[in-house]
Amino acid sequence: MARDAPSIDAYGDGGFRLSGQRHEGSVLIVADQAQPWAVGSLAELTVDALKPVFDAGRAEVEFLLLGVGARNAQPPRPVRDALAAAGIGLEFMDTPAAARIYNVLTSEGRRLACALIAV
């Protein structure tokens, strides 16, 4: 399956470079569209912050790749429970690792959403 997902070219300094374009702050990629994401830390992550992921549903999102910040930590239980109830998988890791694996997964045509907390 060919995808038109943006590539993550770089991360750090409080943002990302996606397909050659700088994005300040955290970023959410759903349905191959990147958008600013108002989550600056794992403590700020709520179910509502992932509304675009839930709105896309299983047809578009097989799982959420979540970059949780500079160090790996478990997302809040309400977020984990809501994703499970929606049938959307969750893979979480530190943001640098998530940024690196995102390009590999999209090149394989995986249907994923990607939420990256800026570092």
PDB file of N, CA and C in Angstrom:
ATOM      1  N   MET A   1       0.850  -1.178   0.000  1.00  0.00           N
ATOM      2  CA  MET A   1       0.000   0.000   0.000  1.00  0.00           C
ATOM      3  C   MET A   1       0.898   1.244   0.000  1.00  0.00           C
ATOM      4  N   ALA A   2       0.730   2.097  -0.947  1.00  0.00           N
ATOM      5  CA  ALA A   2       1.506   3.337  -1.001  1.00  0.00           C
ATOM      6  C   ALA A   2       0.889   4.351  -0.045  1.00  0.00           C
ATOM      7  N   ARG A   3       1.731   5.005   0.674  1.00  0.00           N
ATOM      8  CA  ARG A   3       1.280   6.019   1.620  1.00  0.00           C
ATOM      9  C   ARG A   3       1.872   7.362   1.220  1.00  0.00           C
ATOM     10  N   ASP A   4       1.220   8.414   1.615  1.00  0.00           N
ATOM     11  CA  ASP A   4       1.733   9.759   1.366  1.00  0.00           C
ATOM     12  C   ASP A   4       2.029  10.426   2.705  1.00  0.00           C
ATOM     13  N   ALA A   5       2.577   9.658   3.621  1.00  0.00           N
ATOM     14  CA  ALA A   5       2.871  10.155   4.961  1.00  0.00           C
ATOM     15  C   ALA A   5       4.080  11.073   4.934  1.00  0.00           C
ATOM     16  N   PRO A   6       4.068  12.102   5.774  1.00  0.00           N
ATOM     17  CA  PRO A   6       5.265  12.945   5.865  1.00  0.00           C
ATOM     18  C   PRO A   6       6.410  12.139   6.463  1.00  0.00           C
ATOM     19  N   SER A   7       7.627  12.476   6.088  1.00  0.00           N
ATOM     20  CA  SER A   7       8.787  11.830   6.706  1.00  0.00           C
ATOM     21  C   SER A   7       9.272  12.695   7.859  1.00  0.00           C
ATOM     22  N   ILE A   8       9.790  12.046   8.887  1.00  0.00           N
ATOM     23  CA  ILE A   8      10.404  12.780   9.987  1.00  0.00           C
ATOM     24  C   ILE A   8      11.889  12.852   9.680  1.00  0.00           C
ATOM     25  N   ASP A   9      12.340  14.052   9.304  1.00  0.00           N
ATOM     26  CA  ASP A   9      13.728  14.253   8.913  1.00  0.00           C
ATOM     27  C   ASP A   9      14.623  14.554  10.109  1.00  0.00           C
ATOM     28  N   ALA A  10      14.078  15.206  11.126  1.00  0.00           N
ATOM     29  CA  ALA A  10      14.864  15.578  12.301  1.00  0.00           C
ATOM     30  C   ALA A  10      13.932  15.867  13.464  1.00  0.00           C
ATOM     31  N   TYR A  11      14.480  15.805  14.677  1.00  0.00           N
ATOM     32  CA  TYR A  11      13.733  16.138  15.886  1.00  0.00           C
ATOM     33  C   TYR A  11      14.697  16.793  16.862  1.00  0.00           C
ATOM     34  N   GLY A  12      14.149  17.567  17.789  1.00  0.00           N
ATOM     35  CA  GLY A  12      14.946  18.225  18.813  1.00  0.00           C
ATOM     36  C   GLY A  12      14.728  19.726  18.798  1.00  0.00           C
ATOM     37  N   ASP A  13      15.339  20.408  19.738  1.00  0.00           N
ATOM     38  CA  ASP A  13      15.185  21.859  19.879  1.00  0.00           C
ATOM     39  C   ASP A  13      13.718  22.258  19.947  1.00  0.00           C
ATOM     40  N   GLY A  14      12.902  21.407  20.573  1.00  0.00           N
ATOM     41  CA  GLY A  14      11.498  21.746  20.781  1.00  0.00           C
ATOM     42  C   GLY A  14      10.592  21.578  19.583  1.00  0.00           C
ATOM     43  N   GLY A  15      11.019  20.783  18.596  1.00  0.00           N
ATOM     44  CA  GLY A  15      10.155  20.577  17.434  1.00  0.00           C
ATOM     45  C   GLY A  15      10.668  19.491  16.518  1.00  0.00           C
ATOM     46  N   PHE A  16      10.173  19.510  15.288  1.00  0.00           N
ATOM     47  CA  PHE A  16      10.460  18.464  14.311  1.00  0.00           C
ATOM     48  C   PHE A  16      10.625  19.075  12.925  1.00  0.00           C
ATOM     49  N   ARG A  17      11.352  18.384  12.065  1.00  0.00           N
ATOM     50  CA  ARG A  17      11.361  18.723  10.640  1.00  0.00           C
ATOM     51  C   ARG A  17      10.671  17.573   9.928  1.00  0.00           C
ATOM     52  N   LEU A  18       9.517  17.874   9.325  1.00  0.00           N
ATOM     53  CA  LEU A  18       8.712  16.879   8.623  1.00  0.00           C
ATOM     54  C   LEU A  18       8.748  17.194   7.141  1.00  0.00           C
ATOM     55  N   SER A  19       9.216  16.244   6.354  1.00  0.00           N
ATOM     56  CA  SER A  19       9.309  16.413   4.898  1.00  0.00           C
ATOM     57  C   SER A  19       9.945  17.757   4.543  1.00  0.00           C
ATOM     58  N   GLY A  20      11.008  18.102   5.267  1.00  0.00           N
ATOM     59  CA  GLY A  20      11.769  19.308   4.984  1.00  0.00           C
ATOM     60  C   GLY A  20      11.250  20.585   5.608  1.00  0.00           C
ATOM     61  N   GLN A  21      10.126  20.520   6.325  1.00  0.00           N
ATOM     62  CA  GLN A  21       9.514  21.723   6.889  1.00  0.00           C
ATOM     63  C   GLN A  21       9.531  21.658   8.420  1.00  0.00           C
ATOM     64  N   ARG A  22       9.995  22.736   9.055  1.00  0.00           N
ATOM     65  CA  ARG A  22      10.088  22.802  10.517  1.00  0.00           C
ATOM     66  C   ARG A  22       8.707  22.979  11.147  1.00  0.00           C
ATOM     67  N   HIS A  23       8.460  22.191  12.202  1.00  0.00           N
ATOM     68  CA  HIS A  23       7.233  22.290  12.998  1.00  0.00           C
ATOM     69  C   HIS A  23       7.658  22.502  14.446  1.00  0.00           C
ATOM     70  N   GLU A  24       7.266  23.616  15.029  1.00  0.00           N
ATOM     71  CA  GLU A  24       7.583  23.895  16.434  1.00  0.00           C
ATOM     72  C   GLU A  24       6.627  23.131  17.337  1.00  0.00           C
ATOM     73  N   GLY A  25       7.134  22.621  18.431  1.00  0.00           N
ATOM     74  CA  GLY A  25       6.303  21.942  19.418  1.00  0.00           C
ATOM     75  C   GLY A  25       5.968  20.516  19.028  1.00  0.00           C
ATOM     76  N   SER A  26       5.080  19.945  19.800  1.00  0.00           N
ATOM     77  CA  SER A  26       4.656  18.562  19.588  1.00  0.00           C
ATOM     78  C   SER A  26       3.823  18.456  18.317  1.00  0.00           C
ATOM     79  N   VAL A  27       3.752  17.228  17.776  1.00  0.00           N
ATOM     80  CA  VAL A  27       3.061  17.036  16.505  1.00  0.00           C
ATOM     81  C   VAL A  27       2.231  15.743  16.554  1.00  0.00           C
ATOM     82  N   LEU A  28       1.095  15.790  15.879  1.00  0.00           N
ATOM     83  CA  LEU A  28       0.213  14.638  15.754  1.00  0.00           C
ATOM     84  C   LEU A  28       0.022  14.365  14.267  1.00  0.00           C
ATOM     85  N   ILE A  29       0.254  13.123  13.846  1.00  0.00           N
ATOM     86  CA  ILE A  29       0.086  12.744  12.445  1.00  0.00           C
ATOM     87  C   ILE A  29      -1.019  11.696  12.379  1.00  0.00           C
ATOM     88  N   VAL A  30      -2.108  12.048  11.706  1.00  0.00           N
ATOM     89  CA  VAL A  30      -3.251  11.149  11.543  1.00  0.00           C
ATOM     90  C   VAL A  30      -3.668  11.210  10.082  1.00  0.00           C
ATOM     91  N   ALA A  31      -3.943  10.064   9.488  1.00  0.00           N
ATOM     92  CA  ALA A  31      -4.343   9.986   8.075  1.00  0.00           C
ATOM     93  C   ALA A  31      -3.310  10.693   7.198  1.00  0.00           C
ATOM     94  N   ASP A  32      -2.039  10.508   7.531  1.00  0.00           N
ATOM     95  CA  ASP A  32      -0.902  11.057   6.786  1.00  0.00           C
ATOM     96  C   ASP A  32      -0.865  12.588   6.789  1.00  0.00           C
ATOM     97  N   GLN A  33      -1.577  13.220   7.706  1.00  0.00           N
ATOM     98  CA  GLN A  33      -1.591  14.676   7.832  1.00  0.00           C
ATOM     99  C   GLN A  33      -1.012  15.071   9.185  1.00  0.00           C
ATOM    100  N   ALA A  34       0.007  15.927   9.158  1.00  0.00           N
ATOM    101  CA  ALA A  34       0.618  16.416  10.390  1.00  0.00           C
ATOM    102  C   ALA A  34      -0.104  17.673  10.866  1.00  0.00           C
ATOM    103  N   GLN A  35      -0.257  17.777  12.176  1.00  0.00           N
ATOM    104  CA  GLN A  35      -0.880  18.954  12.761  1.00  0.00           C
ATOM    105  C   GLN A  35      -0.206  19.263  14.094  1.00  0.00           C
ATOM    106  N   PRO A  36      -0.207  20.529  14.498  1.00  0.00           N
ATOM    107  CA  PRO A  36       0.328  20.865  15.818  1.00  0.00           C
ATOM    108  C   PRO A  36      -0.471  20.116  16.879  1.00  0.00           C
ATOM    109  N   TRP A  37       0.212  19.769  17.963  1.00  0.00           N
ATOM    110  CA  TRP A  37      -0.429  18.997  19.031  1.00  0.00           C
ATOM    111  C   TRP A  37      -0.119  19.689  20.346  1.00  0.00           C
ATOM    112  N   ALA A  38      -1.130  20.088  21.074  1.00  0.00           N
ATOM    113  CA  ALA A  38      -0.971  20.899  22.280  1.00  0.00           C
ATOM    114  C   ALA A  38      -0.647  20.074  23.524  1.00  0.00           C
ATOM    115  N   VAL A  39       0.202  19.075  23.380  1.00  0.00           N
ATOM    116  CA  VAL A  39       0.639  18.261  24.519  1.00  0.00           C
ATOM    117  C   VAL A  39       2.139  18.464  24.664  1.00  0.00           C
ATOM    118  N   GLY A  40       2.542  19.092  25.777  1.00  0.00           N
ATOM    119  CA  GLY A  40       3.954  19.394  25.964  1.00  0.00           C
ATOM    120  C   GLY A  40       4.686  18.422  26.862  1.00  0.00           C
ATOM    121  N   SER A  41       3.928  17.538  27.540  1.00  0.00           N
ATOM    122  CA  SER A  41       4.536  16.544  28.421  1.00  0.00           C
ATOM    123  C   SER A  41       3.561  15.383  28.590  1.00  0.00           C
ATOM    124  N   LEU A  42       4.076  14.271  29.054  1.00  0.00           N
ATOM    125  CA  LEU A  42       3.228  13.096  29.256  1.00  0.00           C
ATOM    126  C   LEU A  42       2.127  13.391  30.280  1.00  0.00           C
ATOM    127  N   ALA A  43       2.413  14.242  31.250  1.00  0.00           N
ATOM    128  CA  ALA A  43       1.415  14.607  32.260  1.00  0.00           C
ATOM    129  C   ALA A  43       0.219  15.324  31.639  1.00  0.00           C
ATOM    130  N   GLU A  44       0.408  15.946  30.475  1.00  0.00           N
ATOM    131  CA  GLU A  44      -0.676  16.674  29.794  1.00  0.00           C
ATOM    132  C   GLU A  44      -1.479  15.782  28.848  1.00  0.00           C
ATOM    133  N   LEU A  45      -1.082  14.533  28.681  1.00  0.00           N
ATOM    134  CA  LEU A  45      -1.755  13.642  27.734  1.00  0.00           C
ATOM    135  C   LEU A  45      -3.086  13.174  28.294  1.00  0.00           C
ATOM    136  N   THR A  46      -4.154  13.464  27.551  1.00  0.00           N
ATOM    137  CA  THR A  46      -5.500  13.055  27.934  1.00  0.00           C
ATOM    138  C   THR A  46      -6.153  12.323  26.761  1.00  0.00           C
ATOM    139  N   VAL A  47      -7.250  11.672  27.031  1.00  0.00           N
ATOM    140  CA  VAL A  47      -8.027  11.031  25.979  1.00  0.00           C
ATOM    141  C   VAL A  47      -8.473  12.076  24.966  1.00  0.00           C
ATOM    142  N   ASP A  48      -8.912  13.238  25.439  1.00  0.00           N
ATOM    143  CA  ASP A  48      -9.385  14.299  24.551  1.00  0.00           C
ATOM    144  C   ASP A  48      -8.281  14.795  23.619  1.00  0.00           C
ATOM    145  N   ALA A  49      -7.037  14.789  24.087  1.00  0.00           N
ATOM    146  CA  ALA A  49      -5.917  15.235  23.249  1.00  0.00           C
ATOM    147  C   ALA A  49      -5.717  14.317  22.038  1.00  0.00           C
ATOM    148  N   LEU A  50      -6.250  13.116  22.117  1.00  0.00           N
ATOM    149  CA  LEU A  50      -6.126  12.143  21.022  1.00  0.00           C
ATOM    150  C   LEU A  50      -7.416  12.013  20.208  1.00  0.00           C
ATOM    151  N   LYS A  51      -8.301  12.994  20.332  1.00  0.00           N
ATOM    152  CA  LYS A  51      -9.579  12.949  19.623  1.00  0.00           C
ATOM    153  C   LYS A  51      -9.425  12.689  18.117  1.00  0.00           C
ATOM    154  N   PRO A  52      -8.467  13.324  17.413  1.00  0.00           N
ATOM    155  CA  PRO A  52      -8.329  13.026  15.982  1.00  0.00           C
ATOM    156  C   PRO A  52      -8.015  11.549  15.700  1.00  0.00           C
ATOM    157  N   VAL A  53      -7.323  10.906  16.607  1.00  0.00           N
ATOM    158  CA  VAL A  53      -7.008   9.478  16.441  1.00  0.00           C
ATOM    159  C   VAL A  53      -8.287   8.657  16.571  1.00  0.00           C
ATOM    160  N   PHE A  54      -9.069   8.957  17.605  1.00  0.00           N
ATOM    161  CA  PHE A  54     -10.326   8.228  17.799  1.00  0.00           C
ATOM    162  C   PHE A  54     -11.308   8.514  16.670  1.00  0.00           C
ATOM    163  N   ASP A  55     -11.337   9.751  16.186  1.00  0.00           N
ATOM    164  CA  ASP A  55     -12.228  10.107  15.081  1.00  0.00           C
ATOM    165  C   ASP A  55     -11.871   9.338  13.808  1.00  0.00           C
ATOM    166  N   ALA A  56     -10.589   9.120  13.578  1.00  0.00           N
ATOM    167  CA  ALA A  56     -10.146   8.371  12.390  1.00  0.00           C
ATOM    168  C   ALA A  56     -10.571   6.908  12.494  1.00  0.00           C
ATOM    169  N   GLY A  57     -10.529   6.361  13.700  1.00  0.00           N
ATOM    170  CA  GLY A  57     -10.995   4.996  13.934  1.00  0.00           C
ATOM    171  C   GLY A  57     -10.106   3.921  13.345  1.00  0.00           C
ATOM    172  N   ARG A  58     -10.542   2.699  13.519  1.00  0.00           N
ATOM    173  CA  ARG A  58      -9.781   1.515  13.105  1.00  0.00           C
ATOM    174  C   ARG A  58      -9.560   1.445  11.593  1.00  0.00           C
ATOM    175  N   ALA A  59     -10.439   2.029  10.817  1.00  0.00           N
ATOM    176  CA  ALA A  59     -10.284   1.969   9.361  1.00  0.00           C
ATOM    177  C   ALA A  59      -8.996   2.666   8.929  1.00  0.00           C
ATOM    178  N   GLU A  60      -8.610   3.708   9.643  1.00  0.00           N
ATOM    179  CA  GLU A  60      -7.420   4.471   9.283  1.00  0.00           C
ATOM    180  C   GLU A  60      -6.246   4.214  10.216  1.00  0.00           C
ATOM    181  N   VAL A  61      -6.531   3.814  11.453  1.00  0.00           N
ATOM    182  CA  VAL A  61      -5.481   3.691  12.470  1.00  0.00           C
ATOM    183  C   VAL A  61      -5.461   2.289  13.066  1.00  0.00           C
ATOM    184  N   GLU A  62      -4.418   1.556  12.716  1.00  0.00           N
ATOM    185  CA  GLU A  62      -4.184   0.228  13.282  1.00  0.00           C
ATOM    186  C   GLU A  62      -3.645   0.358  14.707  1.00  0.00           C
ATOM    187  N   PHE A  63      -2.739   1.330  14.895  1.00  0.00           N
ATOM    188  CA  PHE A  63      -2.199   1.580  16.223  1.00  0.00           C
ATOM    189  C   PHE A  63      -1.645   3.005  16.291  1.00  0.00           C
ATOM    190  N   LEU A  64      -1.465   3.463  17.522  1.00  0.00           N
ATOM    191  CA  LEU A  64      -0.880   4.765  17.790  1.00  0.00           C
ATOM    192  C   LEU A  64       0.574   4.562  18.207  1.00  0.00           C
ATOM    193  N   LEU A  65       1.470   5.226  17.500  1.00  0.00           N
ATOM    194  CA  LEU A  65       2.879   5.283  17.886  1.00  0.00           C
ATOM    195  C   LEU A  65       3.033   6.568  18.688  1.00  0.00           C
ATOM    196  N   LEU A  66       3.352   6.419  19.958  1.00  0.00           N
ATOM    197  CA  LEU A  66       3.397   7.555  20.874  1.00  0.00           C
ATOM    198  C   LEU A  66       4.813   7.796  21.359  1.00  0.00           C
ATOM    199  N   GLY A  67       5.343   8.966  21.038  1.00  0.00           N
ATOM    200  CA  GLY A  67       6.633   9.406  21.573  1.00  0.00           C
ATOM    201  C   GLY A  67       6.367  10.208  22.821  1.00  0.00           C
ATOM    202  N   VAL A  68       6.763   9.672  23.987  1.00  0.00           N
ATOM    203  CA  VAL A  68       6.345  10.225  25.281  1.00  0.00           C
ATOM    204  C   VAL A  68       7.271  11.301  25.839  1.00  0.00           C
ATOM    205  N   GLY A  69       8.304  11.678  25.110  1.00  0.00           N
ATOM    206  CA  GLY A  69       9.230  12.694  25.594  1.00  0.00           C
ATOM    207  C   GLY A  69      10.655  12.159  25.602  1.00  0.00           C
ATOM    208  N   ALA A  70      11.498  12.769  26.399  1.00  0.00           N
ATOM    209  CA  ALA A  70      12.920  12.424  26.410  1.00  0.00           C
ATOM    210  C   ALA A  70      13.197  11.036  26.996  1.00  0.00           C
ATOM    211  N   ARG A  71      12.341  10.593  27.919  1.00  0.00           N
ATOM    212  CA  ARG A  71      12.523   9.280  28.542  1.00  0.00           C
ATOM    213  C   ARG A  71      11.245   8.466  28.428  1.00  0.00           C
ATOM    214  N   ASN A  72      11.397   7.166  28.206  1.00  0.00           N
ATOM    215  CA  ASN A  72      10.235   6.302  28.093  1.00  0.00           C
ATOM    216  C   ASN A  72       9.499   6.227  29.431  1.00  0.00           C
ATOM    217  N   ALA A  73       8.193   6.301  29.374  1.00  0.00           N
ATOM    218  CA  ALA A  73       7.332   6.166  30.541  1.00  0.00           C
ATOM    219  C   ALA A  73       5.961   5.734  30.063  1.00  0.00           C
ATOM    220  N   GLN A  74       5.227   5.082  30.941  1.00  0.00           N
ATOM    221  CA  GLN A  74       3.914   4.568  30.562  1.00  0.00           C
ATOM    222  C   GLN A  74       2.891   5.702  30.478  1.00  0.00           C
ATOM    223  N   PRO A  75       2.111   5.729  29.397  1.00  0.00           N
ATOM    224  CA  PRO A  75       1.044   6.737  29.280  1.00  0.00           C
ATOM    225  C   PRO A  75      -0.006   6.546  30.377  1.00  0.00           C
ATOM    226  N   PRO A  76      -0.781   7.584  30.670  1.00  0.00           N
ATOM    227  CA  PRO A  76      -1.819   7.484  31.701  1.00  0.00           C
ATOM    228  C   PRO A  76      -2.821   6.355  31.394  1.00  0.00           C
ATOM    229  N   ARG A  77      -3.281   5.715  32.447  1.00  0.00           N
ATOM    230  CA  ARG A  77      -4.217   4.589  32.301  1.00  0.00           C
ATOM    231  C   ARG A  77      -5.471   4.960  31.511  1.00  0.00           C
ATOM    232  N   PRO A  78      -6.098   6.124  31.730  1.00  0.00           N
ATOM    233  CA  PRO A  78      -7.300   6.440  30.938  1.00  0.00           C
ATOM    234  C   PRO A  78      -7.026   6.441  29.429  1.00  0.00           C
ATOM    235  N   VAL A  79      -5.844   6.886  29.018  1.00  0.00           N
ATOM    236  CA  VAL A  79      -5.478   6.883  27.602  1.00  0.00           C
ATOM    237  C   VAL A  79      -5.315   5.450  27.111  1.00  0.00           C
ATOM    238  N   ARG A  80      -4.615   4.630  27.871  1.00  0.00           N
ATOM    239  CA  ARG A  80      -4.417   3.227  27.486  1.00  0.00           C
ATOM    240  C   ARG A  80      -5.757   2.497  27.393  1.00  0.00           C
ATOM    241  N   ASP A  81      -6.627   2.730  28.374  1.00  0.00           N
ATOM    242  CA  ASP A  81      -7.938   2.068  28.395  1.00  0.00           C
ATOM    243  C   ASP A  81      -8.815   2.511  27.225  1.00  0.00           C
ATOM    244  N   ALA A  82      -8.807   3.802  26.902  1.00  0.00           N
ATOM    245  CA  ALA A  82      -9.639   4.308  25.808  1.00  0.00           C
ATOM    246  C   ALA A  82      -9.176   3.762  24.459  1.00  0.00           C
ATOM    247  N   LEU A  83      -7.866   3.687  24.252  1.00  0.00           N
ATOM    248  CA  LEU A  83      -7.348   3.111  23.003  1.00  0.00           C
ATOM    249  C   LEU A  83      -7.734   1.641  22.890  1.00  0.00           C
ATOM    250  N   ALA A  84      -7.593   0.908  23.982  1.00  0.00           N
ATOM    251  CA  ALA A  84      -7.962  -0.518  23.973  1.00  0.00           C
ATOM    252  C   ALA A  84      -9.451  -0.685  23.671  1.00  0.00           C
ATOM    253  N   ALA A  85     -10.289   0.134  24.287  1.00  0.00           N
ATOM    254  CA  ALA A  85     -11.739   0.048  24.065  1.00  0.00           C
ATOM    255  C   ALA A  85     -12.092   0.362  22.609  1.00  0.00           C
ATOM    256  N   ALA A  86     -11.307   1.230  21.967  1.00  0.00           N
ATOM    257  CA  ALA A  86     -11.559   1.588  20.568  1.00  0.00           C
ATOM    258  C   ALA A  86     -10.929   0.590  19.596  1.00  0.00           C
ATOM    259  N   GLY A  87     -10.209  -0.396  20.131  1.00  0.00           N
ATOM    260  CA  GLY A  87      -9.568  -1.386  19.270  1.00  0.00           C
ATOM    261  C   GLY A  87      -8.341  -0.850  18.556  1.00  0.00           C
ATOM    262  N   ILE A  88      -7.742   0.206  19.101  1.00  0.00           N
ATOM    263  CA  ILE A  88      -6.542   0.811  18.516  1.00  0.00           C
ATOM    264  C   ILE A  88      -5.349   0.418  19.373  1.00  0.00           C
ATOM    265  N   GLY A  89      -4.363  -0.191  18.761  1.00  0.00           N
ATOM    266  CA  GLY A  89      -3.172  -0.597  19.489  1.00  0.00           C
ATOM    267  C   GLY A  89      -2.362   0.600  19.947  1.00  0.00           C
ATOM    268  N   LEU A  90      -1.440   0.367  20.866  1.00  0.00           N
ATOM    269  CA  LEU A  90      -0.577   1.422  21.389  1.00  0.00           C
ATOM    270  C   LEU A  90       0.848   0.917  21.476  1.00  0.00           C
ATOM    271  N   GLU A  91       1.754   1.658  20.856  1.00  0.00           N
ATOM    272  CA  GLU A  91       3.188   1.438  21.014  1.00  0.00           C
ATOM    273  C   GLU A  91       3.759   2.742  21.528  1.00  0.00           C
ATOM    274  N   PHE A  92       4.391   2.706  22.682  1.00  0.00           N
ATOM    275  CA  PHE A  92       4.958   3.945  23.233  1.00  0.00           C
ATOM    276  C   PHE A  92       6.429   3.745  23.530  1.00  0.00           C
ATOM    277  N   MET A  93       7.165   4.834  23.353  1.00  0.00           N
ATOM    278  CA  MET A  93       8.602   4.833  23.583  1.00  0.00           C
ATOM    279  C   MET A  93       9.050   6.278  23.681  1.00  0.00           C
ATOM    280  N   ASP A  94      10.328   6.503  24.004  1.00  0.00           N
ATOM    281  CA  ASP A  94      10.793   7.884  24.040  1.00  0.00           C
ATOM    282  C   ASP A  94      10.665   8.485  22.641  1.00  0.00           C
ATOM    283  N   THR A  95      10.528   9.797  22.592  1.00  0.00           N
ATOM    284  CA  THR A  95      10.302  10.481  21.319  1.00  0.00           C
ATOM    285  C   THR A  95      11.408  10.234  20.298  1.00  0.00           C
ATOM    286  N   PRO A  96      12.707  10.272  20.673  1.00  0.00           N
ATOM    287  CA  PRO A  96      13.733   9.989  19.662  1.00  0.00           C
ATOM    288  C   PRO A  96      13.546   8.620  18.995  1.00  0.00           C
ATOM    289  N   ALA A  97      13.235   7.594  19.772  1.00  0.00           N
ATOM    290  CA  ALA A  97      13.029   6.259  19.199  1.00  0.00           C
ATOM    291  C   ALA A  97      11.785   6.230  18.317  1.00  0.00           C
ATOM    292  N   ALA A  98      10.710   6.871  18.765  1.00  0.00           N
ATOM    293  CA  ALA A  98       9.470   6.897  17.982  1.00  0.00           C
ATOM    294  C   ALA A  98       9.680   7.631  16.661  1.00  0.00           C
ATOM    295  N   ALA A  99      10.428   8.724  16.695  1.00  0.00           N
ATOM    296  CA  ALA A  99      10.686   9.481  15.464  1.00  0.00           C
ATOM    297  C   ALA A  99      11.470   8.633  14.467  1.00  0.00           C
ATOM    298  N   ARG A 100      12.400   7.848  14.965  1.00  0.00           N
ATOM    299  CA  ARG A 100      13.200   7.001  14.068  1.00  0.00           C
ATOM    300  C   ARG A 100      12.373   5.864  13.471  1.00  0.00           C
ATOM    301  N   ILE A 101      11.546   5.221  14.284  1.00  0.00           N
ATOM    302  CA  ILE A 101      10.801   4.050  13.794  1.00  0.00           C
ATOM    303  C   ILE A 101       9.602   4.442  12.932  1.00  0.00           C
ATOM    304  N   TYR A 102       9.098   5.659  13.092  1.00  0.00           N
ATOM    305  CA  TYR A 102       7.945   6.110  12.322  1.00  0.00           C
ATOM    306  C   TYR A 102       8.181   5.959  10.816  1.00  0.00           C
ATOM    307  N   ASN A 103       9.330   6.431  10.336  1.00  0.00           N
ATOM    308  CA  ASN A 103       9.605   6.358   8.896  1.00  0.00           C
ATOM    309  C   ASN A 103       9.632   4.916   8.397  1.00  0.00           C
ATOM    310  N   VAL A 104      10.174   4.014   9.192  1.00  0.00           N
ATOM    311  CA  VAL A 104      10.218   2.603   8.812  1.00  0.00           C
ATOM    312  C   VAL A 104       8.795   2.049   8.695  1.00  0.00           C
ATOM    313  N   LEU A 105       7.979   2.335   9.694  1.00  0.00           N
ATOM    314  CA  LEU A 105       6.616   1.794   9.707  1.00  0.00           C
ATOM    315  C   LEU A 105       5.777   2.348   8.558  1.00  0.00           C
ATOM    316  N   THR A 106       5.907   3.641   8.265  1.00  0.00           N
ATOM    317  CA  THR A 106       5.120   4.194   7.164  1.00  0.00           C
ATOM    318  C   THR A 106       5.619   3.677   5.821  1.00  0.00           C
ATOM    319  N   SER A 107       6.922   3.424   5.709  1.00  0.00           N
ATOM    320  CA  SER A 107       7.436   2.878   4.438  1.00  0.00           C
ATOM    321  C   SER A 107       6.898   1.470   4.202  1.00  0.00           C
ATOM    322  N   GLU A 108       6.513   0.788   5.270  1.00  0.00           N
ATOM    323  CA  GLU A 108       5.898  -0.547   5.154  1.00  0.00           C
ATOM    324  C   GLU A 108       4.409  -0.470   4.874  1.00  0.00           C
ATOM    325  N   GLY A 109       3.864   0.756   4.820  1.00  0.00           N
ATOM    326  CA  GLY A 109       2.443   0.921   4.553  1.00  0.00           C
ATOM    327  C   GLY A 109       1.553   0.686   5.752  1.00  0.00           C
ATOM    328  N   ARG A 110       2.116   0.739   6.940  1.00  0.00           N
ATOM    329  CA  ARG A 110       1.315   0.508   8.153  1.00  0.00           C
ATOM    330  C   ARG A 110       0.345   1.653   8.362  1.00  0.00           C
ATOM    331  N   ARG A 111      -0.859   1.322   8.821  1.00  0.00           N
ATOM    332  CA  ARG A 111      -1.888   2.317   9.118  1.00  0.00           C
ATOM    333  C   ARG A 111      -1.717   2.753  10.575  1.00  0.00           C
ATOM    334  N   LEU A 112      -0.991   3.830  10.768  1.00  0.00           N
ATOM    335  CA  LEU A 112      -0.754   4.263  12.131  1.00  0.00           C
ATOM    336  C   LEU A 112      -0.977   5.747  12.270  1.00  0.00           C
ATOM    337  N   ALA A 113      -1.250   6.121  13.494  1.00  0.00           N
ATOM    338  CA  ALA A 113      -1.223   7.528  13.892  1.00  0.00           C
ATOM    339  C   ALA A 113       0.044   7.688  14.718  1.00  0.00           C
ATOM    340  N   CYS A 114       0.602   8.885  14.709  1.00  0.00           N
ATOM    341  CA  CYS A 114       1.837   9.135  15.432  1.00  0.00           C
ATOM    342  C   CYS A 114       1.687  10.419  16.231  1.00  0.00           C
ATOM    343  N   ALA A 115       1.880  10.312  17.538  1.00  0.00           N
ATOM    344  CA  ALA A 115       1.801  11.472  18.424  1.00  0.00           C
ATOM    345  C   ALA A 115       3.172  11.615  19.086  1.00  0.00           C
ATOM    346  N   LEU A 116       3.820  12.756  18.831  1.00  0.00           N
ATOM    347  CA  LEU A 116       5.178  12.955  19.319  1.00  0.00           C
ATOM    348  C   LEU A 116       5.258  14.182  20.207  1.00  0.00           C
ATOM    349  N   ILE A 117       5.645  13.971  21.455  1.00  0.00           N
ATOM    350  CA  ILE A 117       5.881  15.070  22.379  1.00  0.00           C
ATOM    351  C   ILE A 117       7.276  15.613  22.083  1.00  0.00           C
ATOM    352  N   ALA A 118       7.367  16.901  21.797  1.00  0.00           N
ATOM    353  CA  ALA A 118       8.627  17.527  21.416  1.00  0.00           C
ATOM    354  C   ALA A 118       9.670  17.422  22.535  1.00  0.00           C
ATOM    355  N   VAL A 119      10.919  17.250  22.118  1.00  0.00           N
ATOM    356  CA  VAL A 119      12.053  17.228  23.053  1.00  0.00           C
ATOM    357  C   VAL A 119      13.028  18.313  22.665  1.00  0.00           C
TER     358      VAL A 119
END
